[in-house]
């Protein structure tokens, strides 16, 4: 049961970090020095892996996000 709470806390923390990055801030040092360093996708379906790095403090993290490309809209070929 304890491991479930740890995992929930981990997911909450990852979401908060991604929210800060979406606003343009590093979640660690809070400077506007975060950059997208890598973006990978498995195609039309499945998650997209985004990697970020802070140029100020060296924070790095990767996030699996829902792929917004759709095969029906011509986004993937």
N, C-alpha and C. Protein backbone atom coordinates (compact mmCIF):
# COMPACT_ATOMS: atom_id res chain seq x y z
N UNK A 1 0.82 -1.20 0.00
CA UNK A 1 0.00 0.00 0.00
C UNK A 1 0.87 1.26 0.00
N UNK A 2 1.98 1.21 0.73
CA UNK A 2 2.88 2.35 0.79
C UNK A 2 3.48 2.69 -0.56
N UNK A 3 3.77 1.65 -1.36
CA UNK A 3 4.37 1.90 -2.67
C UNK A 3 3.38 2.60 -3.61
N UNK A 4 2.10 2.38 -3.41
CA UNK A 4 1.08 3.06 -4.22
C UNK A 4 1.12 4.56 -3.93
N UNK A 5 1.23 4.92 -2.65
CA UNK A 5 1.30 6.34 -2.29
C UNK A 5 2.57 6.99 -2.80
N UNK A 6 3.67 6.26 -2.77
CA UNK A 6 4.93 6.79 -3.29
C UNK A 6 4.81 7.04 -4.79
N UNK A 7 4.19 6.11 -5.51
CA UNK A 7 4.02 6.26 -6.95
C UNK A 7 3.08 7.43 -7.27
N UNK A 8 2.02 7.58 -6.52
CA UNK A 8 1.09 8.71 -6.72
C UNK A 8 1.82 10.03 -6.48
N UNK A 9 2.64 10.09 -5.44
CA UNK A 9 3.42 11.30 -5.15
C UNK A 9 4.38 11.59 -6.30
N UNK A 10 5.03 10.54 -6.82
CA UNK A 10 5.96 10.69 -7.94
C UNK A 10 5.24 11.28 -9.16
N UNK A 11 4.06 10.74 -9.49
CA UNK A 11 3.31 11.24 -10.64
C UNK A 11 2.88 12.69 -10.43
N UNK A 12 2.48 13.03 -9.21
CA UNK A 12 2.08 14.41 -8.91
C UNK A 12 3.27 15.36 -9.08
N UNK A 13 4.43 14.93 -8.61
CA UNK A 13 5.63 15.74 -8.74
C UNK A 13 6.02 15.92 -10.20
N UNK A 14 5.95 14.86 -11.01
CA UNK A 14 6.26 14.95 -12.44
C UNK A 14 5.31 15.92 -13.13
N UNK A 15 4.02 15.87 -12.79
CA UNK A 15 3.03 16.76 -13.39
C UNK A 15 3.35 18.22 -13.05
N UNK A 16 3.69 18.48 -11.79
CA UNK A 16 4.04 19.84 -11.38
C UNK A 16 5.28 20.34 -12.11
N UNK A 17 6.27 19.46 -12.33
CA UNK A 17 7.47 19.84 -13.05
C UNK A 17 7.14 20.17 -14.51
N UNK A 18 6.32 19.33 -15.14
CA UNK A 18 5.94 19.59 -16.53
C UNK A 18 5.12 20.86 -16.65
N UNK A 19 4.25 21.13 -15.69
CA UNK A 19 3.46 22.36 -15.70
C UNK A 19 4.38 23.58 -15.64
N UNK A 20 5.41 23.54 -14.80
CA UNK A 20 6.36 24.65 -14.71
C UNK A 20 7.09 24.83 -16.04
N UNK A 21 7.50 23.73 -16.65
CA UNK A 21 8.20 23.79 -17.93
C UNK A 21 7.29 24.37 -19.01
N UNK A 22 6.02 23.98 -19.01
CA UNK A 22 5.07 24.53 -20.00
C UNK A 22 4.93 26.05 -19.85
N UNK A 23 5.11 26.54 -18.62
CA UNK A 23 5.05 27.99 -18.38
C UNK A 23 6.39 28.67 -18.70
N UNK A 24 7.42 27.86 -19.05
CA UNK A 24 8.70 28.41 -19.44
C UNK A 24 9.73 28.49 -18.34
N UNK A 25 9.46 27.91 -17.18
CA UNK A 25 10.35 28.00 -16.03
C UNK A 25 10.98 26.64 -15.70
N UNK A 26 12.20 26.66 -15.23
CA UNK A 26 12.84 25.46 -14.71
C UNK A 26 12.20 25.13 -13.36
N UNK A 27 11.75 23.89 -13.16
CA UNK A 27 11.12 23.54 -11.90
C UNK A 27 12.09 23.50 -10.71
N UNK A 28 13.39 23.48 -10.99
CA UNK A 28 14.38 23.42 -9.91
C UNK A 28 14.85 24.81 -9.48
N UNK A 29 15.31 25.63 -10.44
CA UNK A 29 15.87 26.94 -10.09
C UNK A 29 14.93 28.10 -10.40
N UNK A 30 13.82 27.83 -11.09
CA UNK A 30 12.77 28.80 -11.40
C UNK A 30 13.21 29.92 -12.36
N UNK A 31 14.31 29.72 -13.09
CA UNK A 31 14.72 30.67 -14.12
C UNK A 31 14.07 30.30 -15.44
N UNK A 32 13.97 31.27 -16.32
CA UNK A 32 13.42 31.03 -17.66
C UNK A 32 14.54 30.56 -18.58
N UNK A 33 15.16 29.44 -18.23
CA UNK A 33 16.30 28.95 -19.00
C UNK A 33 16.14 27.47 -19.34
N UNK A 34 14.89 27.04 -19.51
CA UNK A 34 14.61 25.63 -19.82
C UNK A 34 14.47 25.47 -21.33
N UNK A 35 15.07 24.43 -21.88
CA UNK A 35 15.01 24.20 -23.32
C UNK A 35 14.64 22.77 -23.62
N UNK A 36 13.90 22.57 -24.70
CA UNK A 36 13.60 21.24 -25.21
C UNK A 36 14.86 20.73 -25.90
N UNK A 37 15.41 19.62 -25.43
CA UNK A 37 16.65 19.09 -26.00
C UNK A 37 16.43 17.90 -26.92
N UNK A 38 15.29 17.21 -26.77
CA UNK A 38 15.03 16.04 -27.60
C UNK A 38 13.53 15.78 -27.65
N UNK A 39 13.07 15.31 -28.78
CA UNK A 39 11.65 14.99 -28.96
C UNK A 39 11.57 13.74 -29.82
N UNK A 40 10.96 12.70 -29.28
CA UNK A 40 10.85 11.44 -30.03
C UNK A 40 9.41 10.96 -30.00
N UNK A 41 9.04 10.29 -31.08
CA UNK A 41 7.68 9.79 -31.19
C UNK A 41 7.70 8.44 -31.88
N UNK A 42 6.74 7.62 -31.49
CA UNK A 42 6.63 6.31 -32.11
C UNK A 42 5.70 6.30 -33.31
N UNK A 43 5.32 7.44 -33.80
CA UNK A 43 4.42 7.52 -34.94
C UNK A 43 3.10 8.14 -34.57
N UNK A 44 2.04 7.68 -35.21
CA UNK A 44 0.72 8.29 -35.01
C UNK A 44 0.12 8.00 -33.64
N UNK A 45 0.40 6.83 -33.12
CA UNK A 45 -0.22 6.50 -31.84
C UNK A 45 0.86 6.34 -30.77
N UNK A 46 0.45 6.41 -29.55
CA UNK A 46 1.39 6.27 -28.45
C UNK A 46 1.93 7.60 -27.99
N UNK A 47 2.66 7.58 -26.91
CA UNK A 47 3.15 8.84 -26.34
C UNK A 47 4.35 9.41 -27.10
N UNK A 48 4.58 10.68 -26.88
CA UNK A 48 5.75 11.37 -27.41
C UNK A 48 6.67 11.60 -26.21
N UNK A 49 7.97 11.37 -26.36
CA UNK A 49 8.93 11.57 -25.30
C UNK A 49 9.62 12.91 -25.51
N UNK A 50 9.48 13.81 -24.53
CA UNK A 50 10.10 15.13 -24.58
C UNK A 50 11.17 15.21 -23.50
N UNK A 51 12.36 15.67 -23.86
CA UNK A 51 13.46 15.84 -22.91
C UNK A 51 13.79 17.31 -22.79
N UNK A 52 13.98 17.78 -21.56
CA UNK A 52 14.26 19.19 -21.29
C UNK A 52 15.54 19.32 -20.48
N UNK A 53 16.21 20.47 -20.64
CA UNK A 53 17.40 20.77 -19.84
C UNK A 53 17.40 22.25 -19.51
N UNK A 54 17.82 22.56 -18.28
CA UNK A 54 17.96 23.95 -17.85
C UNK A 54 19.39 24.39 -18.09
N UNK A 55 19.56 25.49 -18.79
CA UNK A 55 20.89 26.01 -19.08
C UNK A 55 21.50 26.68 -17.86
N UNK A 56 20.69 27.02 -16.89
CA UNK A 56 21.16 27.71 -15.69
C UNK A 56 21.70 26.75 -14.63
N UNK A 57 20.91 25.72 -14.27
CA UNK A 57 21.28 24.85 -13.15
C UNK A 57 21.60 23.41 -13.55
N UNK A 58 21.35 23.05 -14.83
CA UNK A 58 21.66 21.71 -15.29
C UNK A 58 20.56 20.68 -15.07
N UNK A 59 19.41 21.10 -14.59
CA UNK A 59 18.26 20.20 -14.41
C UNK A 59 17.94 19.54 -15.74
N UNK A 60 17.71 18.23 -15.72
CA UNK A 60 17.26 17.51 -16.91
C UNK A 60 16.13 16.57 -16.51
N UNK A 61 15.20 16.38 -17.42
CA UNK A 61 14.11 15.44 -17.18
C UNK A 61 13.43 15.14 -18.50
N UNK A 62 12.80 13.96 -18.56
CA UNK A 62 12.05 13.55 -19.75
C UNK A 62 10.63 13.24 -19.34
N UNK A 63 9.71 13.50 -20.25
CA UNK A 63 8.29 13.32 -19.99
C UNK A 63 7.64 12.62 -21.17
N UNK A 64 6.80 11.65 -20.89
CA UNK A 64 6.00 11.00 -21.92
C UNK A 64 4.65 11.72 -21.95
N UNK A 65 4.35 12.34 -23.07
CA UNK A 65 3.09 13.09 -23.20
C UNK A 65 2.29 12.51 -24.35
N UNK A 66 1.00 12.74 -24.31
CA UNK A 66 0.12 12.25 -25.37
C UNK A 66 0.50 12.88 -26.69
N UNK A 67 0.62 12.06 -27.71
CA UNK A 67 0.98 12.54 -29.04
C UNK A 67 -0.22 13.24 -29.64
N UNK A 68 -0.07 14.51 -30.03
CA UNK A 68 -1.19 15.27 -30.59
C UNK A 68 -1.33 15.06 -32.09
N UNK A 69 -0.35 14.39 -32.73
CA UNK A 69 -0.48 14.11 -34.16
C UNK A 69 -1.57 13.07 -34.36
N UNK A 70 -2.29 13.22 -35.42
CA UNK A 70 -3.35 12.27 -35.72
C UNK A 70 -3.21 11.79 -37.15
N UNK A 71 -3.35 10.50 -37.34
CA UNK A 71 -3.23 9.95 -38.70
C UNK A 71 -4.33 10.50 -39.60
N UNK A 72 -5.47 10.80 -39.05
CA UNK A 72 -6.59 11.28 -39.85
C UNK A 72 -6.42 12.70 -40.33
N UNK A 73 -5.54 13.48 -39.69
CA UNK A 73 -5.37 14.88 -40.09
C UNK A 73 -4.14 15.09 -40.95
N UNK A 74 -3.47 14.00 -41.31
CA UNK A 74 -2.28 14.12 -42.13
C UNK A 74 -1.04 14.43 -41.33
N UNK A 75 -1.11 14.36 -40.00
CA UNK A 75 0.04 14.65 -39.16
C UNK A 75 1.11 13.59 -39.26
N UNK A 76 0.73 12.36 -39.51
CA UNK A 76 1.69 11.26 -39.63
C UNK A 76 1.56 10.62 -41.01
N UNK A 77 2.68 10.22 -41.54
CA UNK A 77 2.66 9.55 -42.85
C UNK A 77 3.50 8.30 -42.78
